[in-house]
C-alpha atoms as a PDB file:
ATOM      1  CA  MET A   1       7.618 -43.399  53.086  1.00  0.00           C
ATOM      2  CA  LYS A   2       4.509 -44.411  51.130  1.00  0.00           C
ATOM      3  CA  SER A   3       5.525 -48.089  51.186  1.00  0.00           C
ATOM      4  CA  SER A   4       5.933 -48.006  54.990  1.00  0.00           C
ATOM      5  CA  LEU A   5       2.469 -46.453  55.426  1.00  0.00           C
ATOM      6  CA  ARG A   6       1.040 -49.115  53.139  1.00  0.00           C
ATOM      7  CA  ILE A   7       2.689 -51.857  55.226  1.00  0.00           C
ATOM      8  CA  ALA A   8       1.403 -50.260  58.444  1.00  0.00           C
ATOM      9  CA  LEU A   9      -2.133 -50.060  57.028  1.00  0.00           C
ATOM     10  CA  ILE A  10      -2.040 -53.700  55.942  1.00  0.00           C
ATOM     11  CA  TYR A  11      -0.812 -54.668  59.412  1.00  0.00           C
ATOM     12  CA  LEU A  12      -3.636 -52.751  61.092  1.00  0.00           C
ATOM     13  CA  VAL A  13      -6.228 -54.504  58.919  1.00  0.00           C
ATOM     14  CA  LEU A  14      -4.691 -57.909  59.660  1.00  0.00           C
ATOM     15  CA  SER A  15      -4.588 -57.051  63.365  1.00  0.00           C
ATOM     16  CA  PHE A  16      -8.273 -56.140  63.326  1.00  0.00           C
ATOM     17  CA  LEU A  17      -9.103 -59.381  61.532  1.00  0.00           C
ATOM     18  CA  TRP A  18      -6.945 -61.327  64.006  1.00  0.00           C
ATOM     19  CA  ILE A  19      -8.697 -59.820  67.008  1.00  0.00           C
ATOM     20  CA  LEU A  20     -12.173 -60.296  65.499  1.00  0.00           C
ATOM     21  CA  PHE A  21     -11.849 -63.872  64.281  1.00  0.00           C
ATOM     22  CA  SER A  22      -9.620 -65.150  67.105  1.00  0.00           C
ATOM     23  CA  ASP A  23     -12.182 -63.969  69.662  1.00  0.00           C
ATOM     24  CA  GLN A  24     -14.976 -65.637  67.730  1.00  0.00           C
ATOM     25  CA  PHE A  25     -12.926 -68.829  67.474  1.00  0.00           C
ATOM     26  CA  VAL A  26     -12.091 -68.903  71.208  1.00  0.00           C
ATOM     27  CA  ASN A  27     -15.695 -68.202  72.192  1.00  0.00           C
ATOM     28  CA  SER A  28     -16.870 -71.021  69.958  1.00  0.00           C
ATOM     29  CA  LEU A  29     -14.760 -73.503  71.928  1.00  0.00           C
ATOM     30  CA  GLN A  30     -17.076 -73.165  74.978  1.00  0.00           C
ATOM     31  CA  ILE A  31     -14.280 -73.705  77.495  1.00  0.00           C
ATOM     32  CA  ASP A  32     -14.261 -72.761  81.169  1.00  0.00           C
ATOM     33  CA  ILE A  33     -13.615 -69.184  82.299  1.00  0.00           C
ATOM     34  CA  GLU A  34     -10.185 -69.886  83.843  1.00  0.00           C
ATOM     35  CA  THR A  35      -8.808 -71.486  80.672  1.00  0.00           C
ATOM     36  CA  LEU A  36     -10.390 -68.702  78.605  1.00  0.00           C
ATOM     37  CA  ARG A  37      -8.608 -66.112  80.746  1.00  0.00           C
ATOM     38  CA  HIS A  38      -5.243 -67.815  80.161  1.00  0.00           C
ATOM     39  CA  ILE A  39      -5.856 -68.044  76.436  1.00  0.00           C
ATOM     40  CA  GLN A  40      -6.782 -64.350  76.239  1.00  0.00           C
ATOM     41  CA  THR A  41      -3.626 -63.445  78.210  1.00  0.00           C
ATOM     42  CA  TYR A  42      -1.349 -65.486  75.964  1.00  0.00           C
ATOM     43  CA  LYS A  43      -3.109 -64.156  72.882  1.00  0.00           C
ATOM     44  CA  GLY A  44      -2.607 -60.589  74.091  1.00  0.00           C
ATOM     45  CA  TRP A  45       1.088 -61.070  74.789  1.00  0.00           C
ATOM     46  CA  PHE A  46       1.539 -62.757  71.426  1.00  0.00           C
ATOM     47  CA  PHE A  47      -0.171 -59.836  69.689  1.00  0.00           C
ATOM     48  CA  ILE A  48       1.971 -57.298  71.584  1.00  0.00           C
ATOM     49  CA  SER A  49       5.176 -59.206  70.716  1.00  0.00           C
ATOM     50  CA  ILE A  50       4.348 -59.403  67.008  1.00  0.00           C
ATOM     51  CA  SER A  51       3.332 -55.730  66.984  1.00  0.00           C
ATOM     52  CA  SER A  52       6.611 -54.732  68.648  1.00  0.00           C
ATOM     53  CA  VAL A  53       8.661 -56.677  66.092  1.00  0.00           C
ATOM     54  CA  VAL A  54       6.748 -55.192  63.162  1.00  0.00           C
ATOM     55  CA  LEU A  55       7.007 -51.678  64.618  1.00  0.00           C
ATOM     56  CA  PHE A  56      10.764 -52.123  65.155  1.00  0.00           C
ATOM     57  CA  LEU A  57      11.249 -53.323  61.573  1.00  0.00           C
ATOM     58  CA  LEU A  58       9.262 -50.391  60.177  1.00  0.00           C
ATOM     59  CA  ILE A  59      11.181 -47.833  62.242  1.00  0.00           C
ATOM     60  CA  ASN A  60      14.528 -49.441  61.363  1.00  0.00           C
ATOM     61  CA  ARG A  61      13.606 -49.444  57.665  1.00  0.00           C
ATOM     62  CA  GLU A  62      12.715 -45.745  57.729  1.00  0.00           C
ATOM     63  CA  LEU A  63      15.942 -44.904  59.574  1.00  0.00           C
ATOM     64  CA  GLN A  64      17.973 -46.790  56.968  1.00  0.00           C
ATOM     65  CA  LYS A  65      16.201 -44.920  54.173  1.00  0.00           C
ATOM     66  CA  LYS A  66      16.833 -41.638  55.941  1.00  0.00           C
ATOM     67  CA  ASN A  67      20.528 -42.463  56.336  1.00  0.00           C
ATOM     68  CA  ILE A  68      20.830 -43.407  52.657  1.00  0.00           C
ATOM     69  CA  VAL A  69      19.141 -40.155  51.601  1.00  0.00           C
ATOM     70  CA  GLN A  70      21.376 -38.193  53.967  1.00  0.00           C
ATOM     71  CA  GLN A  71      24.493 -39.850  52.550  1.00  0.00           C
ATOM     72  CA  GLU A  72      23.362 -39.126  48.973  1.00  0.00           C
ATOM     73  CA  LEU A  73      22.731 -35.485  49.889  1.00  0.00           C
ATOM     74  CA  GLU A  74      26.193 -35.233  51.449  1.00  0.00           C
ATOM     75  CA  LYS A  75      27.783 -36.753  48.339  1.00  0.00           C
ATOM     76  CA  ALA A  76      25.837 -34.370  46.080  1.00  0.00           C
ATOM     77  CA  LYS A  77      26.868 -31.419  48.231  1.00  0.00           C
ATOM     78  CA  LEU A  78      30.544 -32.400  48.172  1.00  0.00           C
ATOM     79  CA  LYS A  79      30.386 -32.994  44.419  1.00  0.00           C
ATOM     80  CA  ALA A  80      28.750 -29.614  43.839  1.00  0.00           C
ATOM     81  CA  GLU A  81      31.338 -27.865  46.016  1.00  0.00           C
ATOM     82  CA  GLU A  82      34.184 -29.661  44.235  1.00  0.00           C
ATOM     83  CA  SER A  83      32.703 -28.822  40.830  1.00  0.00           C
ATOM     84  CA  ASP A  84      32.333 -25.183  41.851  1.00  0.00           C
ATOM     85  CA  GLN A  85      35.955 -25.043  43.041  1.00  0.00           C
ATOM     86  CA  LEU A  86      37.202 -26.669  39.837  1.00  0.00           C
ATOM     87  CA  LYS A  87      35.201 -24.281  37.673  1.00  0.00           C
ATOM     88  CA  THR A  88      36.533 -21.314  39.643  1.00  0.00           C
ATOM     89  CA  ALA A  89      40.099 -22.584  39.184  1.00  0.00           C
ATOM     90  CA  PHE A  90      39.389 -23.235  35.511  1.00  0.00           C
ATOM     91  CA  LEU A  91      38.039 -19.715  34.901  1.00  0.00           C
ATOM     92  CA  SER A  92      40.965 -18.221  36.799  1.00  0.00           C
ATOM     93  CA  ASN A  93      43.385 -20.187  34.657  1.00  0.00           C
ATOM     94  CA  MET A  94      41.495 -19.217  31.478  1.00  0.00           C
ATOM     95  CA  SER A  95      41.727 -15.529  32.310  1.00  0.00           C
ATOM     96  CA  HIS A  96      45.482 -15.923  32.765  1.00  0.00           C
ATOM     97  CA  GLU A  97      45.879 -17.958  29.567  1.00  0.00           C
ATOM     98  CA  ILE A  98      43.902 -15.431  27.534  1.00  0.00           C
ATOM     99  CA  ARG A  99      45.723 -12.413  28.972  1.00  0.00           C
ATOM    100  CA  THR A 100      49.163 -13.841  28.154  1.00  0.00           C
ATOM    101  CA  PRO A 101      48.833 -13.936  24.324  1.00  0.00           C
ATOM    102  CA  LEU A 102      46.658 -10.808  24.345  1.00  0.00           C
ATOM    103  CA  ASN A 103      49.357  -8.851  26.196  1.00  0.00           C
ATOM    104  CA  GLY A 104      51.873 -10.185  23.679  1.00  0.00           C
ATOM    105  CA  ILE A 105      49.749  -8.976  20.758  1.00  0.00           C
ATOM    106  CA  LEU A 106      49.268  -5.523  22.299  1.00  0.00           C
ATOM    107  CA  GLY A 107      52.931  -5.204  23.287  1.00  0.00           C
ATOM    108  CA  PHE A 108      54.380  -6.188  19.924  1.00  0.00           C
ATOM    109  CA  SER A 109      51.747  -4.073  18.118  1.00  0.00           C
ATOM    110  CA  SER A 110      53.019  -1.067  20.079  1.00  0.00           C
ATOM    111  CA  LEU A 111      56.618  -1.892  19.138  1.00  0.00           C
ATOM    112  CA  LEU A 112      55.562  -2.344  15.519  1.00  0.00           C
ATOM    113  CA  GLY A 113      54.245   1.199  15.482  1.00  0.00           C
ATOM    114  CA  ASP A 114      57.633   2.589  16.545  1.00  0.00           C
ATOM    115  CA  GLN A 115      59.051   4.371  13.494  1.00  0.00           C
ATOM    116  CA  GLU A 116      62.626   3.962  14.740  1.00  0.00           C
ATOM    117  CA  SER A 117      62.420   0.135  14.776  1.00  0.00           C
ATOM    118  CA  SER A 118      64.514  -1.700  12.217  1.00  0.00           C
ATOM    119  CA  SER A 119      62.986  -3.920   9.559  1.00  0.00           C
ATOM    120  CA  GLU A 120      64.310  -7.001  11.382  1.00  0.00           C
ATOM    121  CA  ALA A 121      62.634  -5.878  14.610  1.00  0.00           C
ATOM    122  CA  LYS A 122      59.374  -5.245  12.779  1.00  0.00           C
ATOM    123  CA  GLU A 123      59.488  -8.705  11.189  1.00  0.00           C
ATOM    124  CA  MET A 124      60.052 -10.216  14.629  1.00  0.00           C
ATOM    125  CA  CYS A 125      57.080  -8.234  15.984  1.00  0.00           C
ATOM    126  CA  ILE A 126      54.854  -9.433  13.141  1.00  0.00           C
ATOM    127  CA  GLU A 127      55.933 -13.043  13.778  1.00  0.00           C
ATOM    128  CA  GLN A 128      55.216 -12.736  17.513  1.00  0.00           C
ATOM    129  CA  ILE A 129      51.829 -11.114  16.872  1.00  0.00           C
ATOM    130  CA  ASP A 130      50.928 -13.966  14.526  1.00  0.00           C
ATOM    131  CA  GLN A 131      52.050 -16.642  17.010  1.00  0.00           C
ATOM    132  CA  ASN A 132      50.191 -15.044  19.923  1.00  0.00           C
ATOM    133  CA  GLY A 133      47.123 -14.515  17.732  1.00  0.00           C
ATOM    134  CA  GLN A 134      47.112 -18.203  16.724  1.00  0.00           C
ATOM    135  CA  LEU A 135      47.495 -19.248  20.374  1.00  0.00           C
ATOM    136  CA  LEU A 136      44.667 -16.943  21.461  1.00  0.00           C
ATOM    137  CA  LEU A 137      42.441 -18.312  18.691  1.00  0.00           C
ATOM    138  CA  LYS A 138      43.218 -21.878  19.767  1.00  0.00           C
ATOM    139  CA  ILE A 139      42.354 -21.086  23.403  1.00  0.00           C
ATOM    140  CA  ILE A 140      39.035 -19.512  22.409  1.00  0.00           C
ATOM    141  CA  ASN A 141      38.199 -22.455  20.123  1.00  0.00           C
ATOM    142  CA  GLU A 142      38.907 -24.925  22.934  1.00  0.00           C
ATOM    143  CA  ILE A 143      36.702 -22.993  25.355  1.00  0.00           C
ATOM    144  CA  LEU A 144      33.872 -22.860  22.801  1.00  0.00           C
ATOM    145  CA  GLU A 145      34.291 -26.572  22.013  1.00  0.00           C
ATOM    146  CA  ILE A 146      34.167 -27.629  25.674  1.00  0.00           C
ATOM    147  CA  SER A 147      31.104 -25.397  26.147  1.00  0.00           C
ATOM    148  CA  LYS A 148      29.334 -27.149  23.256  1.00  0.00           C
ATOM    149  CA  ILE A 149      30.179 -30.540  24.726  1.00  0.00           C
ATOM    150  CA  GLN A 150      28.906 -29.490  28.150  1.00  0.00           C
ATOM    151  CA  ALA A 151      25.656 -28.196  26.608  1.00  0.00           C
ATOM    152  CA  GLY A 152      25.275 -31.331  24.443  1.00  0.00           C
ATOM    153  CA  THR A 153      25.182 -29.320  21.205  1.00  0.00           C
ATOM    154  CA  VAL A 154      28.008 -31.040  19.308  1.00  0.00           C
ATOM    155  CA  TYR A 155      26.965 -31.259  15.640  1.00  0.00           C
ATOM    156  CA  VAL A 156      27.768 -34.572  13.936  1.00  0.00           C
ATOM    157  CA  SER A 157      27.800 -34.891  10.134  1.00  0.00           C
ATOM    158  CA  LYS A 158      28.398 -38.474   9.004  1.00  0.00           C
ATOM    159  CA  LYS A 159      29.365 -39.513   5.498  1.00  0.00           C
ATOM    160  CA  GLN A 160      31.430 -42.138   3.710  1.00  0.00           C
ATOM    161  CA  PHE A 161      35.178 -41.463   3.508  1.00  0.00           C
ATOM    162  CA  ASP A 162      38.536 -43.218   3.161  1.00  0.00           C
ATOM    163  CA  LEU A 163      40.050 -43.759   6.618  1.00  0.00           C
ATOM    164  CA  ASN A 164      43.505 -44.604   5.223  1.00  0.00           C
ATOM    165  CA  LYS A 165      43.640 -41.352   3.278  1.00  0.00           C
ATOM    166  CA  GLU A 166      42.430 -39.304   6.266  1.00  0.00           C
ATOM    167  CA  ILE A 167      45.100 -40.703   8.601  1.00  0.00           C
ATOM    168  CA  ASP A 168      47.773 -40.321   5.918  1.00  0.00           C
ATOM    169  CA  ASN A 169      46.837 -36.642   5.460  1.00  0.00           C
ATOM    170  CA  ILE A 170      47.089 -36.045   9.214  1.00  0.00           C
ATOM    171  CA  VAL A 171      50.566 -37.599   9.357  1.00  0.00           C
ATOM    172  CA  LYS A 172      51.723 -35.598   6.320  1.00  0.00           C
ATOM    173  CA  THR A 173      50.600 -32.396   8.070  1.00  0.00           C
ATOM    174  CA  TYR A 174      53.026 -33.056  10.911  1.00  0.00           C
ATOM    175  CA  THR A 175      55.955 -34.248   8.794  1.00  0.00           C
ATOM    176  CA  SER A 176      55.727 -31.593   6.068  1.00  0.00           C
ATOM    177  CA  ILE A 177      56.059 -28.539   8.332  1.00  0.00           C
ATOM    178  CA  GLU A 178      58.324 -27.540  11.182  1.00  0.00           C
ATOM    179  CA  SER A 179      56.388 -28.558  14.260  1.00  0.00           C
ATOM    180  CA  GLU A 180      57.085 -29.721  17.784  1.00  0.00           C
ATOM    181  CA  LEU A 181      57.413 -33.207  16.326  1.00  0.00           C
ATOM    182  CA  THR A 182      60.337 -32.219  14.096  1.00  0.00           C
ATOM    183  CA  LYS A 183      61.922 -30.043  16.796  1.00  0.00           C
ATOM    184  CA  LYS A 184      62.037 -33.003  19.175  1.00  0.00           C
ATOM    185  CA  HIS A 185      63.220 -35.349  16.378  1.00  0.00           C
ATOM    186  CA  LEU A 186      60.344 -37.739  17.053  1.00  0.00           C
ATOM    187  CA  ASN A 187      59.195 -40.366  14.559  1.00  0.00           C
ATOM    188  CA  LEU A 188      55.507 -40.419  13.626  1.00  0.00           C
ATOM    189  CA  ILE A 189      54.879 -43.966  12.429  1.00  0.00           C
ATOM    190  CA  ILE A 190      51.907 -45.325  10.492  1.00  0.00           C
ATOM    191  CA  ASN A 191      51.423 -48.992  11.294  1.00  0.00           C
ATOM    192  CA  ASN A 192      51.421 -51.556   8.482  1.00  0.00           C
ATOM    193  CA  ASN A 193      47.644 -52.014   8.438  1.00  0.00           C
ATOM    194  CA  LEU A 194      47.467 -48.691   6.607  1.00  0.00           C
ATOM    195  CA  ASN A 195      48.097 -49.060   2.882  1.00  0.00           C
ATOM    196  CA  SER A 196      47.116 -47.642  -0.472  1.00  0.00           C
ATOM    197  CA  THR A 197      43.900 -49.687  -0.559  1.00  0.00           C
ATOM    198  CA  PRO A 198      40.932 -47.451   0.354  1.00  0.00           C
ATOM    199  CA  LYS A 199      39.213 -48.307   3.624  1.00  0.00           C
ATOM    200  CA  LEU A 200      35.754 -46.773   3.296  1.00  0.00           C
ATOM    201  CA  ILE A 201      33.830 -46.176   6.504  1.00  0.00           C
ATOM    202  CA  TYR A 202      30.725 -44.175   7.444  1.00  0.00           C
ATOM    203  CA  SER A 203      31.268 -41.615  10.198  1.00  0.00           C
ATOM    204  CA  ASP A 204      32.203 -37.952  10.713  1.00  0.00           C
ATOM    205  CA  PRO A 205      35.698 -37.439   9.205  1.00  0.00           C
ATOM    206  CA  GLU A 206      36.107 -33.938  10.679  1.00  0.00           C
ATOM    207  CA  LYS A 207      35.370 -35.148  14.201  1.00  0.00           C
ATOM    208  CA  ILE A 208      37.681 -38.146  13.865  1.00  0.00           C
ATOM    209  CA  ARG A 209      40.408 -35.863  12.494  1.00  0.00           C
ATOM    210  CA  GLN A 210      39.953 -33.482  15.425  1.00  0.00           C
ATOM    211  CA  ILE A 211      40.217 -36.330  17.949  1.00  0.00           C
ATOM    212  CA  LEU A 212      43.346 -37.802  16.305  1.00  0.00           C
ATOM    213  CA  ILE A 213      45.081 -34.408  16.118  1.00  0.00           C
ATOM    214  CA  ASN A 214      44.363 -33.837  19.815  1.00  0.00           C
ATOM    215  CA  LEU A 215      45.676 -37.303  20.721  1.00  0.00           C
ATOM    216  CA  ILE A 216      48.809 -36.869  18.585  1.00  0.00           C
ATOM    217  CA  ASN A 217      49.433 -33.374  20.005  1.00  0.00           C
ATOM    218  CA  ASN A 218      49.087 -34.762  23.517  1.00  0.00           C
ATOM    219  CA  ALA A 219      51.543 -37.577  22.693  1.00  0.00           C
ATOM    220  CA  ILE A 220      54.052 -35.076  21.262  1.00  0.00           C
ATOM    221  CA  LYS A 221      53.723 -32.818  24.303  1.00  0.00           C
ATOM    222  CA  PHE A 222      54.665 -35.572  26.760  1.00  0.00           C
ATOM    223  CA  THR A 223      57.225 -37.437  24.638  1.00  0.00           C
ATOM    224  CA  ASP A 224      60.824 -36.186  24.522  1.00  0.00           C
ATOM    225  CA  LYS A 225      62.371 -39.058  22.588  1.00  0.00           C
ATOM    226  CA  GLY A 226      61.334 -42.114  20.662  1.00  0.00           C
ATOM    227  CA  SER A 227      58.261 -42.398  18.460  1.00  0.00           C
ATOM    228  CA  ILE A 228      54.508 -42.028  18.149  1.00  0.00           C
ATOM    229  CA  THR A 229      52.611 -44.793  16.350  1.00  0.00           C
ATOM    230  CA  VAL A 230      49.177 -44.510  14.729  1.00  0.00           C
ATOM    231  CA  SER A 231      47.269 -47.669  13.806  1.00  0.00           C
ATOM    232  CA  TYR A 232      43.731 -48.999  13.690  1.00  0.00           C
ATOM    233  CA  LEU A 233      41.671 -52.184  13.834  1.00  0.00           C
ATOM    234  CA  LEU A 234      38.301 -52.545  12.116  1.00  0.00           C
ATOM    235  CA  LYS A 235      36.232 -55.545  13.185  1.00  0.00           C
ATOM    236  CA  ASP A 236      32.496 -56.261  13.491  1.00  0.00           C
ATOM    237  CA  LYS A 237      31.608 -52.641  12.636  1.00  0.00           C
ATOM    238  CA  ILE A 238      33.740 -51.393  15.524  1.00  0.00           C
ATOM    239  CA  LEU A 239      36.615 -49.049  14.678  1.00  0.00           C
ATOM    240  CA  GLN A 240      39.552 -48.867  17.090  1.00  0.00           C
ATOM    241  CA  ILE A 241      42.264 -46.273  16.396  1.00  0.00           C
ATOM    242  CA  TYR A 242      45.433 -46.402  18.504  1.00  0.00           C
ATOM    243  CA  VAL A 243      47.843 -43.548  19.230  1.00  0.00           C
ATOM    244  CA  GLU A 244      50.820 -44.959  21.119  1.00  0.00           C
ATOM    245  CA  ASP A 245      53.828 -43.001  22.397  1.00  0.00           C
ATOM    246  CA  THR A 246      57.085 -43.602  24.268  1.00  0.00           C
ATOM    247  CA  GLY A 247      56.610 -40.653  26.608  1.00  0.00           C
ATOM    248  CA  ILE A 248      56.546 -40.130  30.354  1.00  0.00           C
ATOM    249  CA  GLY A 249      53.360 -42.146  30.887  1.00  0.00           C
ATOM    250  CA  ILE A 250      50.513 -41.603  33.336  1.00  0.00           C
ATOM    251  CA  SER A 251      50.039 -42.976  36.843  1.00  0.00           C
ATOM    252  CA  GLU A 252      46.959 -45.106  37.502  1.00  0.00           C
ATOM    253  CA  ASP A 253      45.518 -42.509  39.892  1.00  0.00           C
ATOM    254  CA  ASN A 254      45.573 -39.819  37.198  1.00  0.00           C
ATOM    255  CA  ILE A 255      44.255 -41.793  34.213  1.00  0.00           C
ATOM    256  CA  GLU A 256      40.609 -40.878  34.868  1.00  0.00           C
ATOM    257  CA  LYS A 257      41.446 -37.286  35.840  1.00  0.00           C
ATOM    258  CA  ILE A 258      43.028 -36.406  32.507  1.00  0.00           C
ATOM    259  CA  PHE A 259      39.622 -36.646  30.791  1.00  0.00           C
ATOM    260  CA  GLN A 260      37.724 -34.577  33.351  1.00  0.00           C
ATOM    261  CA  ARG A 261      36.460 -31.127  32.431  1.00  0.00           C
ATOM    262  CA  PHE A 262      37.374 -28.218  34.675  1.00  0.00           C
ATOM    263  CA  ASN A 263      39.964 -30.407  36.407  1.00  0.00           C
ATOM    264  CA  GLN A 264      43.285 -28.763  37.206  1.00  0.00           C
ATOM    265  CA  HIS A 265      45.150 -31.969  36.471  1.00  0.00           C
ATOM    266  CA  SER A 266      44.092 -31.796  32.825  1.00  0.00           C
ATOM    267  CA  ILE A 267      45.721 -28.374  32.488  1.00  0.00           C
ATOM    268  CA  ASP A 268      49.433 -28.612  31.823  1.00  0.00           C
ATOM    269  CA  LYS A 269      50.707 -25.427  33.441  1.00  0.00           C
ATOM    270  CA  ASN A 270      54.172 -25.876  32.023  1.00  0.00           C
ATOM    271  CA  SER A 271      52.910 -25.888  28.468  1.00  0.00           C
ATOM    272  CA  ASN A 272      52.325 -22.843  26.304  1.00  0.00           C
ATOM    273  CA  ASP A 273      50.299 -24.789  23.767  1.00  0.00           C
ATOM    274  CA  GLY A 274      46.622 -24.253  24.541  1.00  0.00           C
ATOM    275  CA  VAL A 275      45.001 -24.829  27.901  1.00  0.00           C
ATOM    276  CA  GLY A 276      45.143 -28.604  28.207  1.00  0.00           C
ATOM    277  CA  LEU A 277      41.539 -29.309  27.248  1.00  0.00           C
ATOM    278  CA  GLY A 278      42.390 -31.506  24.261  1.00  0.00           C
ATOM    279  CA  LEU A 279      41.671 -34.832  25.972  1.00  0.00           C
ATOM    280  CA  ALA A 280      38.425 -33.637  27.557  1.00  0.00           C
ATOM    281  CA  ILE A 281      37.290 -32.333  24.160  1.00  0.00           C
ATOM    282  CA  SER A 282      38.321 -35.553  22.412  1.00  0.00           C
ATOM    283  CA  LYS A 283      36.411 -37.733  24.864  1.00  0.00           C
ATOM    284  CA  GLY A 284      33.331 -35.512  24.552  1.00  0.00           C
ATOM    285  CA  ILE A 285      33.408 -35.716  20.751  1.00  0.00           C
ATOM    286  CA  ALA A 286      33.939 -39.493  20.869  1.00  0.00           C
ATOM    287  CA  GLU A 287      30.870 -39.841  23.102  1.00  0.00           C
ATOM    288  CA  ALA A 288      28.878 -37.640  20.697  1.00  0.00           C
ATOM    289  CA  LEU A 289      29.794 -40.150  17.970  1.00  0.00           C
ATOM    290  CA  GLY A 290      28.552 -42.983  20.196  1.00  0.00           C
ATOM    291  CA  GLY A 291      32.057 -44.127  21.144  1.00  0.00           C
ATOM    292  CA  ASN A 292      34.663 -43.668  23.844  1.00  0.00           C
ATOM    293  CA  ILE A 293      38.379 -43.187  24.493  1.00  0.00           C
ATOM    294  CA  GLU A 294      40.361 -45.591  26.662  1.00  0.00           C
ATOM    295  CA  VAL A 295      43.975 -45.354  27.791  1.00  0.00           C
ATOM    296  CA  GLU A 296      46.611 -47.788  28.994  1.00  0.00           C
ATOM    297  CA  SER A 297      49.719 -46.307  30.533  1.00  0.00           C
ATOM    298  CA  LYS A 298      52.489 -46.760  33.065  1.00  0.00           C
ATOM    299  CA  PRO A 299      54.839 -44.048  34.345  1.00  0.00           C
ATOM    300  CA  GLY A 300      58.045 -44.029  32.332  1.00  0.00           C
ATOM    301  CA  GLN A 301      56.752 -46.569  29.792  1.00  0.00           C
ATOM    302  CA  GLY A 302      54.597 -44.414  27.528  1.00  0.00           C
ATOM    303  CA  SER A 303      50.866 -44.380  26.867  1.00  0.00           C
ATOM    304  CA  CYS A 304      48.418 -45.896  24.408  1.00  0.00           C
ATOM    305  CA  PHE A 305      45.175 -44.026  23.716  1.00  0.00           C
ATOM    306  CA  LYS A 306      42.437 -46.034  22.014  1.00  0.00           C
ATOM    307  CA  LEU A 307      39.541 -44.367  20.183  1.00  0.00           C
ATOM    308  CA  ILE A 308      36.580 -46.784  19.949  1.00  0.00           C
ATOM    309  CA  LEU A 309      33.768 -45.912  17.521  1.00  0.00           C
ATOM    310  CA  PRO A 310      30.749 -47.951  16.368  1.00  0.00           C
ATOM    311  CA  LEU A 311      30.186 -47.728  12.620  1.00  0.00           C
ATOM    312  CA  GLU A 312      26.958 -47.975  10.647  1.00  0.00           C
END
């Protein structure tokens, strides 16, 4: 608006100067009255024509600005409404997810207190209480983690560590205990660029470990047969870690949605393992480290998640 007023003011000044100096110039010609009358008529029409064009351009410019602002306001309104709906759905889902293990804990605790229960029944109750307690703790941790990411309060503690050893420890965690990986008879493969030679890098090992565990868990969840491969490439102070699976894959329309917070698509309703926030958390942590997570996938052909981190 200010620019249009400035243009209008400049035009008024130029118009005043045009009228003043053009009249002085015409009068200095000392021509006859009839010719002078024609010149003044043509000059007037010319001035009116130019003024009309300038006025039209100014009005059209302001209308275009108004339309752009209106469109931006509409987009912001739709985005706010969509965000509000997604958050409402997210909170509704959270309340359900939290109630489920909590009801299990309370129910089995009540059965555990029954004096007539056999020792086998009590052991089963203790096992169920422990499983539901671990699930409830995981849900709460995920909610707290996503809240930190949203508030921008993720704490990063960088130090030098051996990347090969860190990845090897993660893989051993899955292969040494009975997990979903062993139940599905999946192979967790370390690619050949991991060896006994230490690969020292400077970053946050805990954050990288958390991201890799989330990516591996996600690969296990959506892979029924085949393998999951972990590898990395370190070049020009850029670390790229790959987690590739032979699972169901992701359609192109849903690739961006799986990383969105408070998006229903990122919540796997058929899973009883957390609330499906692992990828959103992983991407948030990667961004806190100055990096990003990319994914390449096709339905039925598996997925490849790539963690990209700049190193000091």
